[in-house]
Amino acid sequence: MQTHVKVLAVLQIFLGVLGLLTALFFMVLFGGAAGIVGTQAGPEEAAIAVPIIGVIGTGLSFFILALSIPGIIVGVGLLQFRPWARIVGIVLSILLLIHFPVGTAVGIYGLWVLLTGETEKLFMPGRRA
């Protein structure tokens, strides 16, 4: 089961990094859109549209960041067999179930790995890796 925990940790980190890259992409996309609208539209239209585009882009980017960073943290915790990482990993696996299709697969795999009795023993405090 130790190997499954490490695979799950790498998957969590990978999905988290993918989310960070997606957030960066949206920041660039919405920033570019705001810049284009600011230079191409009239002053009155730009004064209305640019802040709206900026707020939507910033909000979307921060939302994606807020969902991605915990996955990276849990992945690192799982690699180190921290007891808290198992509990938070279960919660994240449940949340991943709604992220069809890749998140669903990782969520099911995560629940299977982290809810197994053998895995629970790996995360006991005082256990040497």
Protein backbone atom coordinates (compact mmCIF):
# COMPACT_ATOMS: atom_id res chain seq x y z
CA MET A 1 0.00 0.00 0.00
CA GLN A 2 2.98 2.28 0.49
CA THR A 3 3.41 2.45 -3.28
CA HIS A 4 -0.25 3.37 -3.78
CA VAL A 5 0.07 6.21 -1.27
CA LYS A 6 3.09 7.55 -3.16
CA VAL A 7 1.28 7.28 -6.50
CA LEU A 8 -1.71 9.14 -5.03
CA ALA A 9 0.63 11.81 -3.65
CA VAL A 10 2.20 12.34 -7.07
CA LEU A 11 -1.26 12.52 -8.68
CA GLN A 12 -2.38 15.12 -6.11
CA ILE A 13 0.75 17.20 -6.72
CA PHE A 14 0.34 16.87 -10.50
CA LEU A 15 -3.30 18.01 -10.40
CA GLY A 16 -2.34 20.89 -8.10
CA VAL A 17 0.43 22.07 -10.41
CA LEU A 18 -1.91 21.72 -13.38
CA GLY A 19 -4.38 23.94 -11.51
CA LEU A 20 -1.66 26.52 -10.82
CA LEU A 21 -0.79 26.61 -14.52
CA THR A 22 -4.49 26.98 -15.37
CA ALA A 23 -4.80 29.92 -12.95
CA LEU A 24 -1.74 31.55 -14.53
CA PHE A 25 -3.26 31.02 -17.99
CA PHE A 26 -6.50 32.72 -16.91
CA MET A 27 -4.58 35.63 -15.40
CA VAL A 28 -2.76 36.18 -18.69
CA LEU A 29 -5.92 35.65 -20.76
CA PHE A 30 -8.11 38.07 -18.82
CA GLY A 31 -5.27 40.56 -18.41
CA GLY A 32 -4.72 40.53 -22.17
CA ALA A 33 -8.44 40.88 -22.81
CA ALA A 34 -8.64 43.84 -20.44
CA GLY A 35 -5.65 45.42 -22.16
CA ILE A 36 -7.16 44.96 -25.61
CA VAL A 37 -10.51 46.36 -24.53
CA GLY A 38 -8.77 49.26 -22.80
CA THR A 39 -6.90 50.26 -25.95
CA GLN A 40 -9.57 49.51 -28.56
CA ALA A 41 -12.78 50.69 -26.89
CA GLY A 42 -13.81 54.26 -26.27
CA PRO A 43 -13.02 55.81 -22.89
CA GLU A 44 -16.58 55.39 -21.55
CA GLU A 45 -16.87 51.76 -22.64
CA ALA A 46 -13.38 50.92 -21.39
CA ALA A 47 -14.13 52.49 -18.01
CA ILE A 48 -17.01 50.03 -17.61
CA ALA A 49 -15.61 46.89 -19.28
CA VAL A 50 -12.01 46.78 -18.02
CA PRO A 51 -12.87 46.57 -14.28
CA ILE A 52 -15.48 43.89 -14.97
CA ILE A 53 -13.02 41.80 -16.99
CA GLY A 54 -10.38 42.31 -14.29
CA VAL A 55 -12.66 41.25 -11.44
CA ILE A 56 -13.88 38.15 -13.28
CA GLY A 57 -10.34 37.13 -14.25
CA THR A 58 -8.92 37.74 -10.78
CA GLY A 59 -11.80 35.95 -9.08
CA LEU A 60 -11.56 32.94 -11.36
CA SER A 61 -7.79 32.74 -10.95
CA PHE A 62 -7.94 32.95 -7.15
CA PHE A 63 -10.72 30.34 -7.06
CA ILE A 64 -8.59 27.91 -9.08
CA LEU A 65 -5.57 28.68 -6.86
CA ALA A 66 -7.64 28.03 -3.74
CA LEU A 67 -8.57 24.60 -5.10
CA SER A 68 -5.07 23.71 -6.34
CA ILE A 69 -2.78 24.66 -3.47
CA PRO A 70 -4.32 22.22 -0.94
CA GLY A 71 -3.72 19.35 -3.39
CA ILE A 72 -0.01 20.17 -3.54
CA ILE A 73 0.22 20.46 0.25
CA VAL A 74 -1.60 17.15 0.76
CA GLY A 75 0.56 15.46 -1.87
CA VAL A 76 3.72 16.48 -0.03
CA GLY A 77 2.18 15.37 3.27
CA LEU A 78 1.25 12.00 1.82
CA LEU A 79 4.79 11.49 0.54
CA GLN A 80 6.00 12.05 4.12
CA PHE A 81 3.22 9.90 5.63
CA ARG A 82 1.94 12.71 7.86
CA PRO A 83 -1.20 11.68 9.80
CA TRP A 84 -3.02 14.91 8.94
CA ALA A 85 -2.41 14.31 5.23
CA ARG A 86 -4.49 11.14 5.25
CA ILE A 87 -7.54 12.93 6.70
CA VAL A 88 -7.23 15.94 4.41
CA GLY A 89 -6.53 13.60 1.49
CA ILE A 90 -9.82 11.81 2.13
CA VAL A 91 -11.65 15.14 2.09
CA LEU A 92 -9.91 16.23 -1.12
CA SER A 93 -10.65 12.87 -2.73
CA ILE A 94 -14.33 13.34 -1.98
CA LEU A 95 -14.22 16.84 -3.49
CA LEU A 96 -12.41 15.52 -6.57
CA LEU A 97 -15.30 13.17 -7.32
CA ILE A 98 -17.25 16.02 -8.94
CA HIS A 99 -14.34 16.95 -11.25
CA PHE A 100 -15.27 14.57 -14.09
CA PRO A 101 -13.52 12.54 -15.59
CA VAL A 102 -9.91 12.77 -14.33
CA GLY A 103 -10.78 14.10 -10.88
CA THR A 104 -13.40 11.39 -10.46
CA ALA A 105 -10.86 8.68 -11.22
CA VAL A 106 -8.27 10.19 -8.85
CA GLY A 107 -10.94 10.70 -6.18
CA ILE A 108 -12.08 7.07 -6.32
CA TYR A 109 -8.47 5.88 -6.27
CA GLY A 110 -7.71 8.22 -3.36
CA LEU A 111 -10.65 6.97 -1.32
CA TRP A 112 -9.69 3.36 -1.99
CA VAL A 113 -6.07 3.97 -0.97
CA LEU A 114 -6.68 6.17 2.07
CA LEU A 115 -9.62 4.26 3.57
CA THR A 116 -7.87 0.88 3.57
CA GLY A 117 -6.95 -0.47 7.01
CA GLU A 118 -3.41 -1.23 5.88
CA THR A 119 -2.95 2.39 4.82
CA GLU A 120 -4.29 3.65 8.13
CA LYS A 121 -1.43 1.83 9.88
CA LEU A 122 1.09 3.63 7.65
CA PHE A 123 -0.07 6.98 9.01
CA MET A 124 0.03 6.11 12.71
CA PRO A 125 1.98 8.68 14.75
CA GLY A 126 5.42 7.42 15.73
CA ARG A 127 5.66 5.02 12.77
CA ARG A 128 9.02 5.01 11.00
CA ALA A 129 8.86 5.18 7.19
